[in-house]
Amino acid sequence: MNYKPIIIVAGEPNSIFSEIFFKSKFNKIKNPIILIASEKLFIKQMQKLNFNYKINLIDYKKNELTGLKNNKINLINVDFKFKKTFDKISSKSRYYIENCFNLGLKILKTKDCLGLINGPISKKKFLKKKYFGITEYLADKTNSKNNVAMLIYNKQLSVSPITTHLPLKDVHKNISKTKIINQVKLIKSFYKKKFNKNPKIAITGLNPHCESNYKTSEEEKIIKPALKYLKKRGFKVSGPFPADTIFLSKISKKYDVIVGMYHDQVLSPLKTLFEFNAINITLGLPFIRISPDHGPNSSMLGKNLSNPESLIKAIKFFDK
């Protein structure tokens, strides 16, 4: 039986990705993994961290993916100049990461693959304020702009923020009835396709207790009309709920997904509940994109103490 490959873009070269990848038991899954990274750097980091895996170098110049091996690291090399095996994160890696993504997107466009996983990336150094996050970066790269959503997925409970990496002072200006409706549609489509399920979705308010902004309440003007529209069309949505109580177990256990108005409103409680047992899925792209639900974690660089659980969950999500 032929299994479809999973494409992994290594991301920031000076991050904990290599460590968590070596710990991920990638060689125990059915589907072959194709890693896009610097061969020289990856070997150096593997030696430094005292792991011992064989590299199966894939030559993609002929636009072919042949000779994949599950017991080795199938690697497509992208050149990266470096002096130290582990170094400080800087803008020097920007073009390397860009080249890795471009190659990964090319493969996904022309080959039958399960999807894309990318390692942690420093948004500040890589995106240069051009995008709010990698979700928006990939949306632009795939012509999916304005039709993507971030879903932080856990089998027990997932969350999805309407706005992602925005300052709080800008959140209220960037939520709308249309955006809420489109995001709920993306979430339902994903759950229906992946799990054959019409998900139960709770939607939070924006203001404390859903009532603090009496004169121009976003709950009355935007969120409640969106809920009314969705309910009439068969979506299992409820709310708006105050964000300070929706994550209480007796309430949250009734739902598959909690949709919040801004990033930390829903990600902070989810990480408190599940720590690294969650993955970041981008909905609305031509393929499923997943990343571990944490950053480069430069303070742990080269120490061999990082938790690989989120990357393991990302790989296992595909390998079914």
C-alpha atoms as a PDB file:
ATOM      1  CA  MET A   1       0.000   0.000   0.000  1.00  0.00           C
ATOM      2  CA  ASN A   2       1.347   3.429  -0.965  1.00  0.00           C
ATOM      3  CA  TYR A   3       1.100   6.047   1.756  1.00  0.00           C
ATOM      4  CA  LYS A   4       1.003   9.771   1.017  1.00  0.00           C
ATOM      5  CA  PRO A   5       3.918  11.820   2.367  1.00  0.00           C
ATOM      6  CA  ILE A   6       3.753  14.546   5.007  1.00  0.00           C
ATOM      7  CA  ILE A   7       5.754  17.677   4.145  1.00  0.00           C
ATOM      8  CA  ILE A   8       7.622  19.297   7.041  1.00  0.00           C
ATOM      9  CA  VAL A   9       9.300  22.697   6.711  1.00  0.00           C
ATOM     10  CA  ALA A  10      11.860  22.913   9.520  1.00  0.00           C
ATOM     11  CA  GLY A  11      11.239  26.623  10.165  1.00  0.00           C
ATOM     12  CA  GLU A  12      13.628  28.740  12.238  1.00  0.00           C
ATOM     13  CA  PRO A  13      17.039  27.006  12.139  1.00  0.00           C
ATOM     14  CA  ASN A  14      17.942  28.340  15.602  1.00  0.00           C
ATOM     15  CA  SER A  15      14.919  26.930  17.384  1.00  0.00           C
ATOM     16  CA  ILE A  16      14.103  23.778  19.318  1.00  0.00           C
ATOM     17  CA  PHE A  17      12.637  22.176  16.183  1.00  0.00           C
ATOM     18  CA  SER A  18      15.497  19.787  15.452  1.00  0.00           C
ATOM     19  CA  GLU A  19      15.392  18.537  19.040  1.00  0.00           C
ATOM     20  CA  ILE A  20      11.648  17.913  19.120  1.00  0.00           C
ATOM     21  CA  PHE A  21      11.816  16.328  15.665  1.00  0.00           C
ATOM     22  CA  PHE A  22      14.474  13.841  16.802  1.00  0.00           C
ATOM     23  CA  LYS A  23      12.267  13.046  19.812  1.00  0.00           C
ATOM     24  CA  SER A  24       9.054  12.770  17.776  1.00  0.00           C
ATOM     25  CA  LYS A  25       9.364   9.062  16.796  1.00  0.00           C
ATOM     26  CA  PHE A  26       8.821  10.122  13.180  1.00  0.00           C
ATOM     27  CA  ASN A  27      10.151   6.755  12.039  1.00  0.00           C
ATOM     28  CA  LYS A  28       7.331   4.852  13.767  1.00  0.00           C
ATOM     29  CA  ILE A  29       4.488   6.093  11.557  1.00  0.00           C
ATOM     30  CA  LYS A  30       2.983   4.655   8.349  1.00  0.00           C
ATOM     31  CA  ASN A  31       3.204   7.773   6.195  1.00  0.00           C
ATOM     32  CA  PRO A  32       6.670   8.901   5.060  1.00  0.00           C
ATOM     33  CA  ILE A  33       7.851  12.325   6.173  1.00  0.00           C
ATOM     34  CA  ILE A  34       9.733  14.650   3.841  1.00  0.00           C
ATOM     35  CA  LEU A  35      11.749  17.216   5.752  1.00  0.00           C
ATOM     36  CA  ILE A  36      12.800  20.451   4.021  1.00  0.00           C
ATOM     37  CA  ALA A  37      15.851  21.828   5.811  1.00  0.00           C
ATOM     38  CA  SER A  38      19.592  22.441   5.688  1.00  0.00           C
ATOM     39  CA  GLU A  39      21.282  19.036   5.596  1.00  0.00           C
ATOM     40  CA  LYS A  40      24.569  20.311   7.062  1.00  0.00           C
ATOM     41  CA  LEU A  41      22.912  22.173   9.938  1.00  0.00           C
ATOM     42  CA  PHE A  42      20.565  19.307  10.729  1.00  0.00           C
ATOM     43  CA  ILE A  43      23.443  16.833  10.929  1.00  0.00           C
ATOM     44  CA  LYS A  44      25.439  19.201  13.161  1.00  0.00           C
ATOM     45  CA  GLN A  45      22.478  19.701  15.485  1.00  0.00           C
ATOM     46  CA  MET A  46      21.807  15.962  15.575  1.00  0.00           C
ATOM     47  CA  GLN A  47      25.395  15.293  16.633  1.00  0.00           C
ATOM     48  CA  LYS A  48      25.275  18.076  19.234  1.00  0.00           C
ATOM     49  CA  LEU A  49      22.088  16.643  20.746  1.00  0.00           C
ATOM     50  CA  ASN A  50      23.433  13.063  20.708  1.00  0.00           C
ATOM     51  CA  PHE A  51      20.914  11.534  18.324  1.00  0.00           C
ATOM     52  CA  ASN A  52      21.837   9.104  15.575  1.00  0.00           C
ATOM     53  CA  TYR A  53      19.549   8.922  12.541  1.00  0.00           C
ATOM     54  CA  LYS A  54      20.431   8.182   8.931  1.00  0.00           C
ATOM     55  CA  ILE A  55      19.726  10.876   6.326  1.00  0.00           C
ATOM     56  CA  ASN A  56      18.042   9.831   3.073  1.00  0.00           C
ATOM     57  CA  LEU A  57      18.817  12.784   0.789  1.00  0.00           C
ATOM     58  CA  ILE A  58      16.068  13.378  -1.774  1.00  0.00           C
ATOM     59  CA  ASP A  59      17.011  15.047  -5.064  1.00  0.00           C
ATOM     60  CA  TYR A  60      13.963  17.055  -6.088  1.00  0.00           C
ATOM     61  CA  LYS A  61      15.505  18.704  -9.138  1.00  0.00           C
ATOM     62  CA  LYS A  62      13.631  16.272 -11.406  1.00  0.00           C
ATOM     63  CA  ASN A  63      10.319  17.024  -9.668  1.00  0.00           C
ATOM     64  CA  GLU A  64      10.122  13.457  -8.391  1.00  0.00           C
ATOM     65  CA  LEU A  65       9.612  12.054  -4.902  1.00  0.00           C
ATOM     66  CA  THR A  66      11.068   8.559  -5.052  1.00  0.00           C
ATOM     67  CA  GLY A  67      12.980   6.313  -2.699  1.00  0.00           C
ATOM     68  CA  LEU A  68      11.277   7.508   0.494  1.00  0.00           C
ATOM     69  CA  LYS A  69      12.188   5.507   3.586  1.00  0.00           C
ATOM     70  CA  ASN A  70      10.333   5.494   6.896  1.00  0.00           C
ATOM     71  CA  ASN A  71      13.351   4.428   8.963  1.00  0.00           C
ATOM     72  CA  LYS A  72      15.473   7.369   7.795  1.00  0.00           C
ATOM     73  CA  ILE A  73      15.095  11.150   7.629  1.00  0.00           C
ATOM     74  CA  ASN A  74      13.924  11.867   4.073  1.00  0.00           C
ATOM     75  CA  LEU A  75      15.463  15.294   3.558  1.00  0.00           C
ATOM     76  CA  ILE A  76      15.404  17.810   0.723  1.00  0.00           C
ATOM     77  CA  ASN A  77      18.338  20.143   1.272  1.00  0.00           C
ATOM     78  CA  VAL A  78      18.001  23.924   1.266  1.00  0.00           C
ATOM     79  CA  ASP A  79      21.330  25.697   1.709  1.00  0.00           C
ATOM     80  CA  PHE A  80      21.878  27.788   4.815  1.00  0.00           C
ATOM     81  CA  LYS A  81      25.132  29.464   5.829  1.00  0.00           C
ATOM     82  CA  PHE A  82      25.886  29.262   9.539  1.00  0.00           C
ATOM     83  CA  LYS A  83      28.841  29.524  11.902  1.00  0.00           C
ATOM     84  CA  LYS A  84      27.418  28.094  15.120  1.00  0.00           C
ATOM     85  CA  THR A  85      25.375  24.920  15.455  1.00  0.00           C
ATOM     86  CA  PHE A  86      22.940  26.801  17.687  1.00  0.00           C
ATOM     87  CA  ASP A  87      22.899  30.581  17.465  1.00  0.00           C
ATOM     88  CA  LYS A  88      20.738  33.563  18.317  1.00  0.00           C
ATOM     89  CA  ILE A  89      17.670  34.070  16.157  1.00  0.00           C
ATOM     90  CA  SER A  90      18.226  36.845  13.627  1.00  0.00           C
ATOM     91  CA  SER A  91      16.998  38.072  10.256  1.00  0.00           C
ATOM     92  CA  LYS A  92      19.766  36.027   8.586  1.00  0.00           C
ATOM     93  CA  SER A  93      17.465  33.018   8.461  1.00  0.00           C
ATOM     94  CA  ARG A  94      14.638  34.863   6.703  1.00  0.00           C
ATOM     95  CA  TYR A  95      15.516  33.905   3.119  1.00  0.00           C
ATOM     96  CA  TYR A  96      16.329  30.339   4.127  1.00  0.00           C
ATOM     97  CA  ILE A  97      12.872  29.916   5.712  1.00  0.00           C
ATOM     98  CA  GLU A  98      11.276  31.571   2.679  1.00  0.00           C
ATOM     99  CA  ASN A  99      13.060  29.150   0.333  1.00  0.00           C
ATOM    100  CA  CYS A 100      11.957  26.180   2.457  1.00  0.00           C
ATOM    101  CA  PHE A 101       8.336  27.333   2.362  1.00  0.00           C
ATOM    102  CA  ASN A 102       8.446  27.996  -1.383  1.00  0.00           C
ATOM    103  CA  LEU A 103       9.726  24.489  -2.052  1.00  0.00           C
ATOM    104  CA  GLY A 104       7.172  22.942   0.300  1.00  0.00           C
ATOM    105  CA  LEU A 105       4.311  24.851  -1.344  1.00  0.00           C
ATOM    106  CA  LYS A 106       5.535  23.803  -4.795  1.00  0.00           C
ATOM    107  CA  ILE A 107       5.498  20.148  -3.784  1.00  0.00           C
ATOM    108  CA  LEU A 108       2.047  20.463  -2.215  1.00  0.00           C
ATOM    109  CA  LYS A 109       0.729  22.048  -5.397  1.00  0.00           C
ATOM    110  CA  THR A 110       2.088  19.378  -7.739  1.00  0.00           C
ATOM    111  CA  LYS A 111       2.139  16.191  -5.645  1.00  0.00           C
ATOM    112  CA  ASP A 112      -0.466  14.223  -3.706  1.00  0.00           C
ATOM    113  CA  CYS A 113       0.543  14.864  -0.089  1.00  0.00           C
ATOM    114  CA  LEU A 114      -1.318  14.744   3.213  1.00  0.00           C
ATOM    115  CA  GLY A 115      -0.420  18.313   4.150  1.00  0.00           C
ATOM    116  CA  LEU A 116       2.169  20.616   5.663  1.00  0.00           C
ATOM    117  CA  ILE A 117       3.759  20.883   9.102  1.00  0.00           C
ATOM    118  CA  ASN A 118       6.106  23.757   9.845  1.00  0.00           C
ATOM    119  CA  GLY A 119       8.469  24.123  12.760  1.00  0.00           C
ATOM    120  CA  PRO A 120       8.426  27.161  15.071  1.00  0.00           C
ATOM    121  CA  ILE A 121       9.224  30.515  13.471  1.00  0.00           C
ATOM    122  CA  SER A 122      10.075  33.914  14.932  1.00  0.00           C
ATOM    123  CA  LYS A 123       7.324  36.123  13.529  1.00  0.00           C
ATOM    124  CA  LYS A 124       9.254  39.271  14.443  1.00  0.00           C
ATOM    125  CA  LYS A 125      12.376  38.287  12.485  1.00  0.00           C
ATOM    126  CA  PHE A 126      10.736  36.428   9.596  1.00  0.00           C
ATOM    127  CA  LEU A 127       7.552  38.339   8.828  1.00  0.00           C
ATOM    128  CA  LYS A 128       9.010  41.851   9.266  1.00  0.00           C
ATOM    129  CA  LYS A 129       5.576  43.262  10.234  1.00  0.00           C
ATOM    130  CA  LYS A 130       4.205  42.385   6.777  1.00  0.00           C
ATOM    131  CA  TYR A 131       1.846  39.728   8.188  1.00  0.00           C
ATOM    132  CA  PHE A 132       0.262  39.158  11.598  1.00  0.00           C
ATOM    133  CA  GLY A 133       1.391  35.523  11.612  1.00  0.00           C
ATOM    134  CA  ILE A 134       2.239  32.438   9.560  1.00  0.00           C
ATOM    135  CA  THR A 135      -1.507  31.829   9.069  1.00  0.00           C
ATOM    136  CA  GLU A 136      -1.768  35.097   7.125  1.00  0.00           C
ATOM    137  CA  TYR A 137       1.593  34.528   5.395  1.00  0.00           C
ATOM    138  CA  LEU A 138       0.474  31.181   3.966  1.00  0.00           C
ATOM    139  CA  ALA A 139      -2.945  32.576   3.089  1.00  0.00           C
ATOM    140  CA  ASP A 140      -1.248  35.218   0.933  1.00  0.00           C
ATOM    141  CA  LYS A 141       1.113  32.658  -0.606  1.00  0.00           C
ATOM    142  CA  THR A 142      -1.797  30.417  -1.637  1.00  0.00           C
ATOM    143  CA  ASN A 143      -4.237  33.150  -2.684  1.00  0.00           C
ATOM    144  CA  SER A 144      -6.499  32.271   0.251  1.00  0.00           C
ATOM    145  CA  LYS A 145      -6.449  35.732   1.826  1.00  0.00           C
ATOM    146  CA  ASN A 146      -9.463  36.672   3.982  1.00  0.00           C
ATOM    147  CA  ASN A 147     -10.678  33.070   3.986  1.00  0.00           C
ATOM    148  CA  VAL A 148      -8.511  31.381   6.621  1.00  0.00           C
ATOM    149  CA  ALA A 149      -8.898  30.643  10.311  1.00  0.00           C
ATOM    150  CA  MET A 150      -6.650  29.539  13.157  1.00  0.00           C
ATOM    151  CA  LEU A 151      -7.852  26.459  14.996  1.00  0.00           C
ATOM    152  CA  ILE A 152      -5.943  25.311  18.067  1.00  0.00           C
ATOM    153  CA  TYR A 153      -7.047  21.703  18.092  1.00  0.00           C
ATOM    154  CA  ASN A 154      -7.397  19.252  20.941  1.00  0.00           C
ATOM    155  CA  LYS A 155      -9.623  16.201  20.688  1.00  0.00           C
ATOM    156  CA  GLN A 156     -11.429  17.188  23.883  1.00  0.00           C
ATOM    157  CA  LEU A 157     -11.795  20.931  23.181  1.00  0.00           C
ATOM    158  CA  SER A 158     -10.517  23.276  20.463  1.00  0.00           C
ATOM    159  CA  VAL A 159     -10.447  27.066  20.196  1.00  0.00           C
ATOM    160  CA  SER A 160     -10.439  29.532  17.315  1.00  0.00           C
ATOM    161  CA  PRO A 161      -9.794  33.289  17.672  1.00  0.00           C
ATOM    162  CA  ILE A 162     -11.541  35.663  15.253  1.00  0.00           C
ATOM    163  CA  THR A 163      -8.495  37.966  15.354  1.00  0.00           C
ATOM    164  CA  THR A 164      -5.009  36.526  15.778  1.00  0.00           C
ATOM    165  CA  HIS A 165      -1.854  38.539  16.486  1.00  0.00           C
ATOM    166  CA  LEU A 166      -3.409  41.982  16.894  1.00  0.00           C
ATOM    167  CA  PRO A 167      -2.839  44.519  19.671  1.00  0.00           C
ATOM    168  CA  LEU A 168      -5.858  44.590  21.985  1.00  0.00           C
ATOM    169  CA  LYS A 169      -6.611  48.194  21.070  1.00  0.00           C
ATOM    170  CA  ASP A 170      -7.277  47.099  17.457  1.00  0.00           C
ATOM    171  CA  VAL A 171      -9.413  44.019  18.117  1.00  0.00           C
ATOM    172  CA  HIS A 172     -12.818  45.720  18.176  1.00  0.00           C
ATOM    173  CA  LYS A 173     -12.119  47.298  14.772  1.00  0.00           C
ATOM    174  CA  ASN A 174     -11.365  43.924  13.199  1.00  0.00           C
ATOM    175  CA  ILE A 175     -14.353  41.803  14.159  1.00  0.00           C
ATOM    176  CA  SER A 176     -17.470  41.693  12.002  1.00  0.00           C
ATOM    177  CA  LYS A 177     -20.606  39.655  11.435  1.00  0.00           C
ATOM    178  CA  THR A 178     -19.195  38.396   8.121  1.00  0.00           C
ATOM    179  CA  LYS A 179     -15.899  37.318   9.680  1.00  0.00           C
ATOM    180  CA  ILE A 180     -17.620  35.366  12.454  1.00  0.00           C
ATOM    181  CA  ILE A 181     -19.949  33.658   9.966  1.00  0.00           C
ATOM    182  CA  ASN A 182     -17.122  32.717   7.594  1.00  0.00           C
ATOM    183  CA  GLN A 183     -14.970  31.376  10.427  1.00  0.00           C
ATOM    184  CA  VAL A 184     -17.755  29.178  11.779  1.00  0.00           C
ATOM    185  CA  LYS A 185     -18.345  27.865   8.247  1.00  0.00           C
ATOM    186  CA  LEU A 186     -14.646  26.929   7.934  1.00  0.00           C
ATOM    187  CA  ILE A 187     -14.724  25.159  11.301  1.00  0.00           C
ATOM    188  CA  LYS A 188     -17.865  23.174  10.427  1.00  0.00           C
ATOM    189  CA  SER A 189     -16.441  22.228   7.006  1.00  0.00           C
ATOM    190  CA  PHE A 190     -13.224  20.964   8.626  1.00  0.00           C
ATOM    191  CA  TYR A 191     -15.016  18.896  11.281  1.00  0.00           C
ATOM    192  CA  LYS A 192     -17.443  17.489   8.715  1.00  0.00           C
ATOM    193  CA  LYS A 193     -14.667  16.452   6.334  1.00  0.00           C
ATOM    194  CA  LYS A 194     -12.245  15.148   8.954  1.00  0.00           C
ATOM    195  CA  PHE A 195     -14.603  13.649  11.551  1.00  0.00           C
ATOM    196  CA  ASN A 196     -18.008  13.541   9.783  1.00  0.00           C
ATOM    197  CA  LYS A 197     -19.346  15.736  12.555  1.00  0.00           C
ATOM    198  CA  ASN A 198     -21.421  18.901  12.819  1.00  0.00           C
ATOM    199  CA  PRO A 199     -19.507  20.518  15.701  1.00  0.00           C
ATOM    200  CA  LYS A 200     -21.074  22.255  18.675  1.00  0.00           C
ATOM    201  CA  ILE A 201     -19.568  25.742  18.785  1.00  0.00           C
ATOM    202  CA  ALA A 202     -19.641  28.268  21.620  1.00  0.00           C
ATOM    203  CA  ILE A 203     -18.923  31.910  20.810  1.00  0.00           C
ATOM    204  CA  THR A 204     -17.631  34.376  23.371  1.00  0.00           C
ATOM    205  CA  GLY A 205     -18.452  38.037  23.711  1.00  0.00           C
ATOM    206  CA  LEU A 206     -15.820  40.738  23.419  1.00  0.00           C
ATOM    207  CA  ASN A 207     -16.572  42.803  26.522  1.00  0.00           C
ATOM    208  CA  PRO A 208     -16.426  41.662  30.169  1.00  0.00           C
ATOM    209  CA  HIS A 209     -19.663  39.817  31.026  1.00  0.00           C
ATOM    210  CA  CYS A 210     -20.824  40.585  27.447  1.00  0.00           C
ATOM    211  CA  GLU A 211     -22.295  43.857  28.709  1.00  0.00           C
ATOM    212  CA  SER A 212     -19.618  46.382  29.651  1.00  0.00           C
ATOM    213  CA  ASN A 213     -19.730  48.464  26.478  1.00  0.00           C
ATOM    214  CA  TYR A 214     -23.324  49.656  26.692  1.00  0.00           C
ATOM    215  CA  LYS A 215     -23.354  52.416  24.067  1.00  0.00           C
ATOM    216  CA  THR A 216     -21.711  50.547  21.188  1.00  0.00           C
ATOM    217  CA  SER A 217     -21.901  46.922  22.276  1.00  0.00           C
ATOM    218  CA  GLU A 218     -20.184  44.559  19.823  1.00  0.00           C
ATOM    219  CA  GLU A 219     -22.319  41.775  21.290  1.00  0.00           C
ATOM    220  CA  GLU A 220     -25.551  43.506  20.186  1.00  0.00           C
ATOM    221  CA  LYS A 221     -24.276  44.959  16.889  1.00  0.00           C
ATOM    222  CA  ILE A 222     -22.097  42.107  15.589  1.00  0.00           C
ATOM    223  CA  ILE A 223     -21.983  38.863  17.563  1.00  0.00           C
ATOM    224  CA  LYS A 224     -25.692  38.236  18.239  1.00  0.00           C
ATOM    225  CA  PRO A 225     -26.716  38.957  14.609  1.00  0.00           C
ATOM    226  CA  ALA A 226     -24.013  36.514  13.428  1.00  0.00           C
ATOM    227  CA  LEU A 227     -25.328  33.838  15.809  1.00  0.00           C
ATOM    228  CA  LYS A 228     -28.899  34.393  14.640  1.00  0.00           C
ATOM    229  CA  TYR A 229     -27.828  34.037  10.989  1.00  0.00           C
ATOM    230  CA  LEU A 230     -25.897  30.823  11.671  1.00  0.00           C
ATOM    231  CA  LYS A 231     -28.620  29.183  13.783  1.00  0.00           C
ATOM    232  CA  LYS A 232     -31.176  29.678  11.014  1.00  0.00           C
ATOM    233  CA  ARG A 233     -28.864  27.736   8.685  1.00  0.00           C
ATOM    234  CA  GLY A 234     -28.351  24.687  10.838  1.00  0.00           C
ATOM    235  CA  PHE A 235     -25.102  25.552  12.591  1.00  0.00           C
ATOM    236  CA  LYS A 236     -24.871  24.358  16.192  1.00  0.00           C
ATOM    237  CA  VAL A 237     -23.761  27.658  17.701  1.00  0.00           C
ATOM    238  CA  SER A 238     -24.461  29.178  21.118  1.00  0.00           C
ATOM    239  CA  GLY A 239     -23.590  32.433  22.849  1.00  0.00           C
ATOM    240  CA  PRO A 240     -22.323  34.987  23.291  1.00  0.00           C
ATOM    241  CA  PHE A 241     -20.723  33.687  26.493  1.00  0.00           C
ATOM    242  CA  PRO A 242     -18.659  35.705  28.981  1.00  0.00           C
ATOM    243  CA  ALA A 243     -15.050  34.638  28.476  1.00  0.00           C
ATOM    244  CA  ASP A 244     -14.414  34.375  32.219  1.00  0.00           C
ATOM    245  CA  THR A 245     -16.767  31.384  32.641  1.00  0.00           C
ATOM    246  CA  ILE A 246     -16.984  29.603  29.277  1.00  0.00           C
ATOM    247  CA  PHE A 247     -13.941  27.440  30.075  1.00  0.00           C
ATOM    248  CA  LEU A 248     -15.457  26.077  33.296  1.00  0.00           C
ATOM    249  CA  SER A 249     -15.640  22.319  32.732  1.00  0.00           C
ATOM    250  CA  LYS A 250     -19.399  22.027  33.268  1.00  0.00           C
ATOM    251  CA  ILE A 251     -19.931  24.525  30.399  1.00  0.00           C
ATOM    252  CA  SER A 252     -17.037  23.814  28.020  1.00  0.00           C
ATOM    253  CA  LYS A 253     -17.612  20.029  27.997  1.00  0.00           C
ATOM    254  CA  LYS A 254     -20.820  20.663  26.019  1.00  0.00           C
ATOM    255  CA  TYR A 255     -18.844  22.042  23.058  1.00  0.00           C
ATOM    256  CA  ASP A 256     -16.274  20.922  20.494  1.00  0.00           C
ATOM    257  CA  VAL A 257     -14.944  24.415  19.732  1.00  0.00           C
ATOM    258  CA  ILE A 258     -14.913  27.768  21.513  1.00  0.00           C
ATOM    259  CA  VAL A 259     -14.634  30.739  19.159  1.00  0.00           C
ATOM    260  CA  GLY A 260     -13.184  33.850  20.814  1.00  0.00           C
ATOM    261  CA  MET A 261     -12.803  37.408  19.652  1.00  0.00           C
ATOM    262  CA  TYR A 262      -9.047  37.676  20.213  1.00  0.00           C
ATOM    263  CA  HIS A 263      -5.945  35.522  20.554  1.00  0.00           C
ATOM    264  CA  ASP A 264      -5.266  35.289  24.300  1.00  0.00           C
ATOM    265  CA  GLN A 265      -8.956  35.240  25.197  1.00  0.00           C
ATOM    266  CA  VAL A 266      -9.077  31.577  24.138  1.00  0.00           C
ATOM    267  CA  LEU A 267      -5.449  30.420  23.788  1.00  0.00           C
ATOM    268  CA  SER A 268      -4.412  31.229  27.361  1.00  0.00           C
ATOM    269  CA  PRO A 269      -7.084  29.033  28.999  1.00  0.00           C
ATOM    270  CA  LEU A 270      -6.597  26.239  26.451  1.00  0.00           C
ATOM    271  CA  LYS A 271      -2.852  26.085  27.134  1.00  0.00           C
ATOM    272  CA  THR A 272      -3.554  26.131  30.856  1.00  0.00           C
ATOM    273  CA  LEU A 273      -5.853  23.135  30.409  1.00  0.00           C
ATOM    274  CA  PHE A 274      -3.800  21.082  27.948  1.00  0.00           C
ATOM    275  CA  GLU A 275      -0.255  22.554  27.919  1.00  0.00           C
ATOM    276  CA  PHE A 276       1.496  21.090  24.831  1.00  0.00           C
ATOM    277  CA  ASN A 277      -1.320  18.680  24.004  1.00  0.00           C
ATOM    278  CA  ALA A 278      -2.685  20.823  21.178  1.00  0.00           C
ATOM    279  CA  ILE A 279      -1.789  21.714  17.591  1.00  0.00           C
ATOM    280  CA  ASN A 280      -2.245  24.829  15.476  1.00  0.00           C
ATOM    281  CA  ILE A 281      -4.253  24.068  12.305  1.00  0.00           C
ATOM    282  CA  THR A 282      -4.831  26.612   9.546  1.00  0.00           C
ATOM    283  CA  LEU A 283      -8.274  26.209   7.984  1.00  0.00           C
ATOM    284  CA  GLY A 284      -9.127  27.518   4.514  1.00  0.00           C
ATOM    285  CA  LEU A 285      -5.864  26.740   2.704  1.00  0.00           C
ATOM    286  CA  PRO A 286      -5.742  24.335  -0.297  1.00  0.00           C
ATOM    287  CA  PHE A 287      -4.145  21.845   2.114  1.00  0.00           C
ATOM    288  CA  ILE A 288      -4.124  21.210   5.866  1.00  0.00           C
ATOM    289  CA  ARG A 289      -1.320  23.092   7.584  1.00  0.00           C
ATOM    290  CA  ILE A 290      -0.299  22.286  11.136  1.00  0.00           C
ATOM    291  CA  SER A 291       2.366  23.663  13.442  1.00  0.00           C
ATOM    292  CA  PRO A 292       3.286  22.831  17.034  1.00  0.00           C
ATOM    293  CA  ASP A 293       1.460  25.150  19.404  1.00  0.00           C
ATOM    294  CA  HIS A 294       4.582  26.906  20.693  1.00  0.00           C
ATOM    295  CA  GLY A 295       7.355  29.198  19.479  1.00  0.00           C
ATOM    296  CA  PRO A 296      11.104  28.758  18.819  1.00  0.00           C
ATOM    297  CA  ASN A 297      11.842  28.797  22.590  1.00  0.00           C
ATOM    298  CA  SER A 298      15.392  30.146  22.240  1.00  0.00           C
ATOM    299  CA  SER A 299      15.971  29.891  26.009  1.00  0.00           C
ATOM    300  CA  MET A 300      15.933  26.078  25.656  1.00  0.00           C
ATOM    301  CA  LEU A 301      18.112  25.983  22.535  1.00  0.00           C
ATOM    302  CA  GLY A 302      20.557  23.081  22.470  1.00  0.00           C
ATOM    303  CA  LYS A 303      19.706  21.908  26.001  1.00  0.00           C
ATOM    304  CA  ASN A 304      17.872  18.733  24.982  1.00  0.00           C
ATOM    305  CA  LEU A 305      15.098  19.437  27.513  1.00  0.00           C
ATOM    306  CA  SER A 306      12.219  20.453  25.230  1.00  0.00           C
ATOM    307  CA  ASN A 307       8.842  18.726  25.183  1.00  0.00           C
ATOM    308  CA  PRO A 308       8.037  17.206  21.731  1.00  0.00           C
ATOM    309  CA  GLU A 309       4.363  16.457  22.507  1.00  0.00           C
ATOM    310  CA  SER A 310       2.830  19.104  20.228  1.00  0.00           C
ATOM    311  CA  LEU A 311       4.908  17.994  17.213  1.00  0.00           C
ATOM    312  CA  ILE A 312       4.071  14.350  17.955  1.00  0.00           C
ATOM    313  CA  LYS A 313       0.367  15.293  17.963  1.00  0.00           C
ATOM    314  CA  ALA A 314       0.812  17.146  14.650  1.00  0.00           C
ATOM    315  CA  ILE A 315       2.404  14.129  12.955  1.00  0.00           C
ATOM    316  CA  LYS A 316      -0.104  11.667  14.398  1.00  0.00           C
ATOM    317  CA  PHE A 317      -2.993  13.870  13.240  1.00  0.00           C
ATOM    318  CA  PHE A 318      -1.970  13.125   9.651  1.00  0.00           C
ATOM    319  CA  ASP A 319      -0.899   9.518  10.215  1.00  0.00           C
ATOM    320  CA  LYS A 320      -4.312   7.861  10.395  1.00  0.00           C
END
